[in-house]
């Protein structure tokens, strides 16, 4: 949370080991995304193919959040995944 308060911050959240996320977790990601936007920062999420990525796709969050399949692509900002 402290890093998210800094102006122009860049955060990467790695969900590769996560097996489940509920509405509270999704809300936290949305809140972090909103704070990043307000402070001219960025939030990038790592979510490889699997249950979490499917949930982000189904909920439409894949088009709202910056989601990447690997940590390297999240760090570089290349190959962002999309819901299409």
N, C-alpha and C. Protein backbone atom coordinates (compact mmCIF):
# COMPACT_ATOMS: atom_id res chain seq x y z
N UNK A 1 0.83 -1.19 0.00
CA UNK A 1 0.00 0.00 0.00
C UNK A 1 0.87 1.26 0.00
N UNK A 2 1.98 1.22 0.72
CA UNK A 2 2.86 2.38 0.77
C UNK A 2 3.41 2.72 -0.62
N UNK A 3 3.82 1.70 -1.36
CA UNK A 3 4.35 1.92 -2.71
C UNK A 3 3.27 2.50 -3.62
N UNK A 4 2.04 2.09 -3.43
CA UNK A 4 0.94 2.56 -4.27
C UNK A 4 0.61 4.03 -4.02
N UNK A 5 1.03 4.57 -2.90
CA UNK A 5 0.75 5.97 -2.59
C UNK A 5 1.73 6.93 -3.25
N UNK A 6 2.87 6.40 -3.73
CA UNK A 6 3.87 7.27 -4.36
C UNK A 6 3.43 7.68 -5.76
N UNK A 7 3.68 8.92 -6.09
CA UNK A 7 3.37 9.44 -7.43
C UNK A 7 4.23 8.73 -8.47
N UNK A 8 3.62 8.28 -9.55
CA UNK A 8 4.34 7.65 -10.66
C UNK A 8 4.87 6.26 -10.36
N UNK A 9 4.30 5.59 -9.39
CA UNK A 9 4.79 4.26 -9.02
C UNK A 9 4.50 3.22 -10.11
N UNK A 10 5.24 2.13 -10.07
CA UNK A 10 5.00 1.01 -10.98
C UNK A 10 5.00 -0.27 -10.13
N UNK A 11 3.84 -0.91 -10.04
CA UNK A 11 3.71 -2.13 -9.24
C UNK A 11 3.40 -3.31 -10.14
N UNK A 12 4.00 -4.45 -9.82
CA UNK A 12 3.69 -5.70 -10.50
C UNK A 12 3.18 -6.67 -9.44
N UNK A 13 1.98 -7.20 -9.64
CA UNK A 13 1.38 -8.16 -8.72
C UNK A 13 1.40 -9.51 -9.42
N UNK A 14 2.11 -10.46 -8.84
CA UNK A 14 2.28 -11.79 -9.43
C UNK A 14 1.26 -12.75 -8.81
N UNK A 15 0.32 -13.19 -9.63
CA UNK A 15 -0.73 -14.11 -9.17
C UNK A 15 -0.48 -15.55 -9.61
N UNK A 16 0.75 -15.86 -10.01
CA UNK A 16 1.02 -17.19 -10.57
C UNK A 16 0.79 -18.32 -9.57
N UNK A 17 0.98 -18.09 -8.31
CA UNK A 17 0.80 -19.13 -7.30
C UNK A 17 -0.60 -19.13 -6.68
N UNK A 18 -1.43 -18.18 -7.10
CA UNK A 18 -2.77 -18.05 -6.56
C UNK A 18 -3.71 -19.08 -7.18
N UNK A 19 -4.45 -19.78 -6.36
CA UNK A 19 -5.38 -20.80 -6.86
C UNK A 19 -6.83 -20.32 -6.83
N UNK A 20 -7.11 -19.29 -6.03
CA UNK A 20 -8.49 -18.82 -5.87
C UNK A 20 -8.46 -17.33 -5.56
N UNK A 21 -9.42 -16.61 -6.09
CA UNK A 21 -9.60 -15.21 -5.74
C UNK A 21 -11.11 -14.94 -5.69
N UNK A 22 -11.55 -14.27 -4.63
CA UNK A 22 -12.97 -13.97 -4.49
C UNK A 22 -13.23 -12.50 -4.80
N UNK A 23 -14.44 -12.06 -4.55
CA UNK A 23 -14.81 -10.68 -4.89
C UNK A 23 -13.99 -9.67 -4.09
N UNK A 24 -13.58 -10.02 -2.89
CA UNK A 24 -12.75 -9.12 -2.09
C UNK A 24 -11.40 -8.92 -2.75
N UNK A 25 -10.80 -10.01 -3.22
CA UNK A 25 -9.51 -9.93 -3.91
C UNK A 25 -9.62 -9.15 -5.21
N UNK A 26 -10.69 -9.41 -5.96
CA UNK A 26 -10.89 -8.66 -7.20
C UNK A 26 -11.08 -7.17 -6.91
N UNK A 27 -11.81 -6.88 -5.84
CA UNK A 27 -12.01 -5.49 -5.44
C UNK A 27 -10.70 -4.81 -5.06
N UNK A 28 -9.81 -5.55 -4.41
CA UNK A 28 -8.50 -5.00 -4.05
C UNK A 28 -7.69 -4.67 -5.30
N UNK A 29 -7.74 -5.55 -6.31
CA UNK A 29 -7.03 -5.29 -7.57
C UNK A 29 -7.61 -4.07 -8.28
N UNK A 30 -8.92 -3.96 -8.29
CA UNK A 30 -9.57 -2.81 -8.92
C UNK A 30 -9.21 -1.52 -8.18
N UNK A 31 -9.21 -1.58 -6.85
CA UNK A 31 -8.84 -0.41 -6.05
C UNK A 31 -7.39 0.00 -6.29
N UNK A 32 -6.50 -0.97 -6.39
CA UNK A 32 -5.09 -0.67 -6.66
C UNK A 32 -4.93 -0.06 -8.05
N UNK A 33 -5.69 -0.57 -9.00
CA UNK A 33 -5.67 -0.01 -10.36
C UNK A 33 -6.15 1.44 -10.35
N UNK A 34 -7.22 1.70 -9.63
CA UNK A 34 -7.75 3.07 -9.54
C UNK A 34 -6.74 4.01 -8.89
N UNK A 35 -6.12 3.57 -7.79
CA UNK A 35 -5.12 4.41 -7.11
C UNK A 35 -3.93 4.68 -8.04
N UNK A 36 -3.51 3.66 -8.78
CA UNK A 36 -2.39 3.84 -9.71
C UNK A 36 -2.74 4.89 -10.76
N UNK A 37 -3.94 4.81 -11.30
CA UNK A 37 -4.37 5.78 -12.31
C UNK A 37 -4.41 7.19 -11.75
N UNK A 38 -4.90 7.33 -10.53
CA UNK A 38 -5.00 8.65 -9.90
C UNK A 38 -3.64 9.27 -9.63
N UNK A 39 -2.63 8.44 -9.43
CA UNK A 39 -1.30 8.93 -9.07
C UNK A 39 -0.30 8.81 -10.22
N UNK A 40 -0.82 8.69 -11.43
CA UNK A 40 0.01 8.58 -12.64
C UNK A 40 1.00 7.43 -12.54
N UNK A 41 0.57 6.35 -11.90
CA UNK A 41 1.40 5.16 -11.77
C UNK A 41 0.84 4.04 -12.62
N UNK A 42 1.36 2.85 -12.39
CA UNK A 42 0.87 1.70 -13.14
C UNK A 42 0.78 0.48 -12.24
N UNK A 43 -0.17 -0.37 -12.55
CA UNK A 43 -0.33 -1.65 -11.89
C UNK A 43 -0.37 -2.70 -13.00
N UNK A 44 0.54 -3.64 -12.95
CA UNK A 44 0.57 -4.74 -13.91
C UNK A 44 0.42 -6.04 -13.15
N UNK A 45 -0.40 -6.92 -13.70
CA UNK A 45 -0.72 -8.18 -13.04
C UNK A 45 -0.20 -9.34 -13.87
N UNK A 46 0.44 -10.29 -13.20
CA UNK A 46 0.91 -11.51 -13.86
C UNK A 46 -0.09 -12.61 -13.55
N UNK A 47 -0.70 -13.16 -14.59
CA UNK A 47 -1.67 -14.25 -14.43
C UNK A 47 -1.55 -15.17 -15.64
N UNK A 48 -0.83 -16.28 -15.48
CA UNK A 48 -0.69 -17.22 -16.59
C UNK A 48 -2.01 -17.95 -16.85
N UNK A 49 -2.06 -18.67 -17.94
CA UNK A 49 -3.26 -19.43 -18.30
C UNK A 49 -3.70 -20.29 -17.12
N UNK A 50 -4.98 -20.26 -16.81
CA UNK A 50 -5.51 -21.05 -15.70
C UNK A 50 -6.76 -20.41 -15.14
N UNK A 51 -7.13 -20.84 -13.95
CA UNK A 51 -8.39 -20.42 -13.33
C UNK A 51 -8.47 -18.92 -13.08
N UNK A 52 -7.41 -18.31 -12.60
CA UNK A 52 -7.44 -16.88 -12.29
C UNK A 52 -7.60 -16.07 -13.58
N UNK A 53 -6.86 -16.43 -14.62
CA UNK A 53 -6.98 -15.73 -15.89
C UNK A 53 -8.38 -15.89 -16.48
N UNK A 54 -8.94 -17.08 -16.36
CA UNK A 54 -10.32 -17.29 -16.84
C UNK A 54 -11.29 -16.39 -16.11
N UNK A 55 -11.13 -16.26 -14.81
CA UNK A 55 -12.01 -15.39 -14.02
C UNK A 55 -11.87 -13.93 -14.45
N UNK A 56 -10.64 -13.49 -14.66
CA UNK A 56 -10.43 -12.11 -15.12
C UNK A 56 -11.08 -11.91 -16.49
N UNK A 57 -11.02 -12.91 -17.34
CA UNK A 57 -11.63 -12.82 -18.67
C UNK A 57 -13.15 -12.78 -18.56
N UNK A 58 -13.74 -13.67 -17.76
CA UNK A 58 -15.20 -13.76 -17.61
C UNK A 58 -15.78 -12.48 -17.01
N UNK A 59 -15.08 -11.90 -16.06
CA UNK A 59 -15.59 -10.70 -15.39
C UNK A 59 -15.35 -9.42 -16.20
N UNK A 60 -14.61 -9.53 -17.30
CA UNK A 60 -14.30 -8.36 -18.11
C UNK A 60 -13.12 -7.56 -17.60
N UNK A 61 -12.50 -8.01 -16.51
CA UNK A 61 -11.38 -7.27 -15.92
C UNK A 61 -10.11 -7.39 -16.75
N UNK A 62 -10.07 -8.37 -17.63
CA UNK A 62 -8.89 -8.53 -18.49
C UNK A 62 -8.74 -7.32 -19.41
N UNK A 63 -9.84 -6.66 -19.72
CA UNK A 63 -9.78 -5.47 -20.57
C UNK A 63 -9.60 -4.18 -19.76
N UNK A 64 -9.77 -4.26 -18.45
CA UNK A 64 -9.64 -3.09 -17.58
C UNK A 64 -8.25 -3.04 -16.96
N UNK A 65 -7.79 -4.18 -16.46
CA UNK A 65 -6.50 -4.27 -15.80
C UNK A 65 -5.41 -4.61 -16.82
N UNK A 66 -4.18 -4.27 -16.52
CA UNK A 66 -3.05 -4.63 -17.38
C UNK A 66 -2.54 -5.99 -16.92
N UNK A 67 -2.89 -7.03 -17.68
CA UNK A 67 -2.58 -8.41 -17.30
C UNK A 67 -1.60 -8.99 -18.31
N UNK A 68 -0.62 -9.73 -17.79
CA UNK A 68 0.44 -10.33 -18.60
C UNK A 68 0.60 -11.79 -18.20
N UNK A 69 1.06 -12.61 -19.14
CA UNK A 69 1.21 -14.04 -18.89
C UNK A 69 2.47 -14.38 -18.09
N UNK A 70 3.48 -13.52 -18.16
CA UNK A 70 4.74 -13.79 -17.45
C UNK A 70 5.23 -12.54 -16.73
N UNK A 71 6.08 -12.76 -15.76
CA UNK A 71 6.68 -11.64 -15.05
C UNK A 71 7.54 -10.78 -15.95
N UNK A 72 8.29 -11.40 -16.85
CA UNK A 72 9.13 -10.65 -17.77
C UNK A 72 8.31 -9.73 -18.66
N UNK A 73 7.19 -10.23 -19.18
CA UNK A 73 6.35 -9.38 -20.04
C UNK A 73 5.69 -8.27 -19.22
N UNK A 74 5.36 -8.54 -17.97
CA UNK A 74 4.79 -7.49 -17.11
C UNK A 74 5.82 -6.40 -16.83
N UNK A 75 7.06 -6.80 -16.58
CA UNK A 75 8.11 -5.82 -16.31
C UNK A 75 8.40 -4.96 -17.53
N UNK A 76 8.37 -5.56 -18.70
CA UNK A 76 8.66 -4.81 -19.92
C UNK A 76 7.43 -4.06 -20.45
N UNK A 77 6.24 -4.49 -20.04
CA UNK A 77 5.01 -3.88 -20.53
C UNK A 77 4.62 -4.35 -21.92
N UNK A 78 5.24 -5.43 -22.38
CA UNK A 78 4.96 -5.96 -23.72
C UNK A 78 4.05 -7.18 -23.63
N UNK A 79 3.26 -7.37 -24.68
CA UNK A 79 2.39 -8.54 -24.82
C UNK A 79 1.29 -8.60 -23.77
N UNK A 80 0.65 -7.48 -23.53
CA UNK A 80 -0.49 -7.44 -22.61
C UNK A 80 -1.60 -8.34 -23.15
N UNK A 81 -2.22 -9.09 -22.25
CA UNK A 81 -3.32 -9.98 -22.64
C UNK A 81 -4.60 -9.17 -22.79
N UNK A 82 -5.49 -9.65 -23.63
CA UNK A 82 -6.77 -8.97 -23.80
C UNK A 82 -7.90 -10.00 -23.76
N UNK A 83 -9.10 -9.52 -23.53
CA UNK A 83 -10.26 -10.39 -23.43
C UNK A 83 -10.81 -10.82 -24.77
N UNK A 84 -10.27 -10.34 -25.85
CA UNK A 84 -10.79 -10.67 -27.18
C UNK A 84 -10.38 -12.05 -27.60
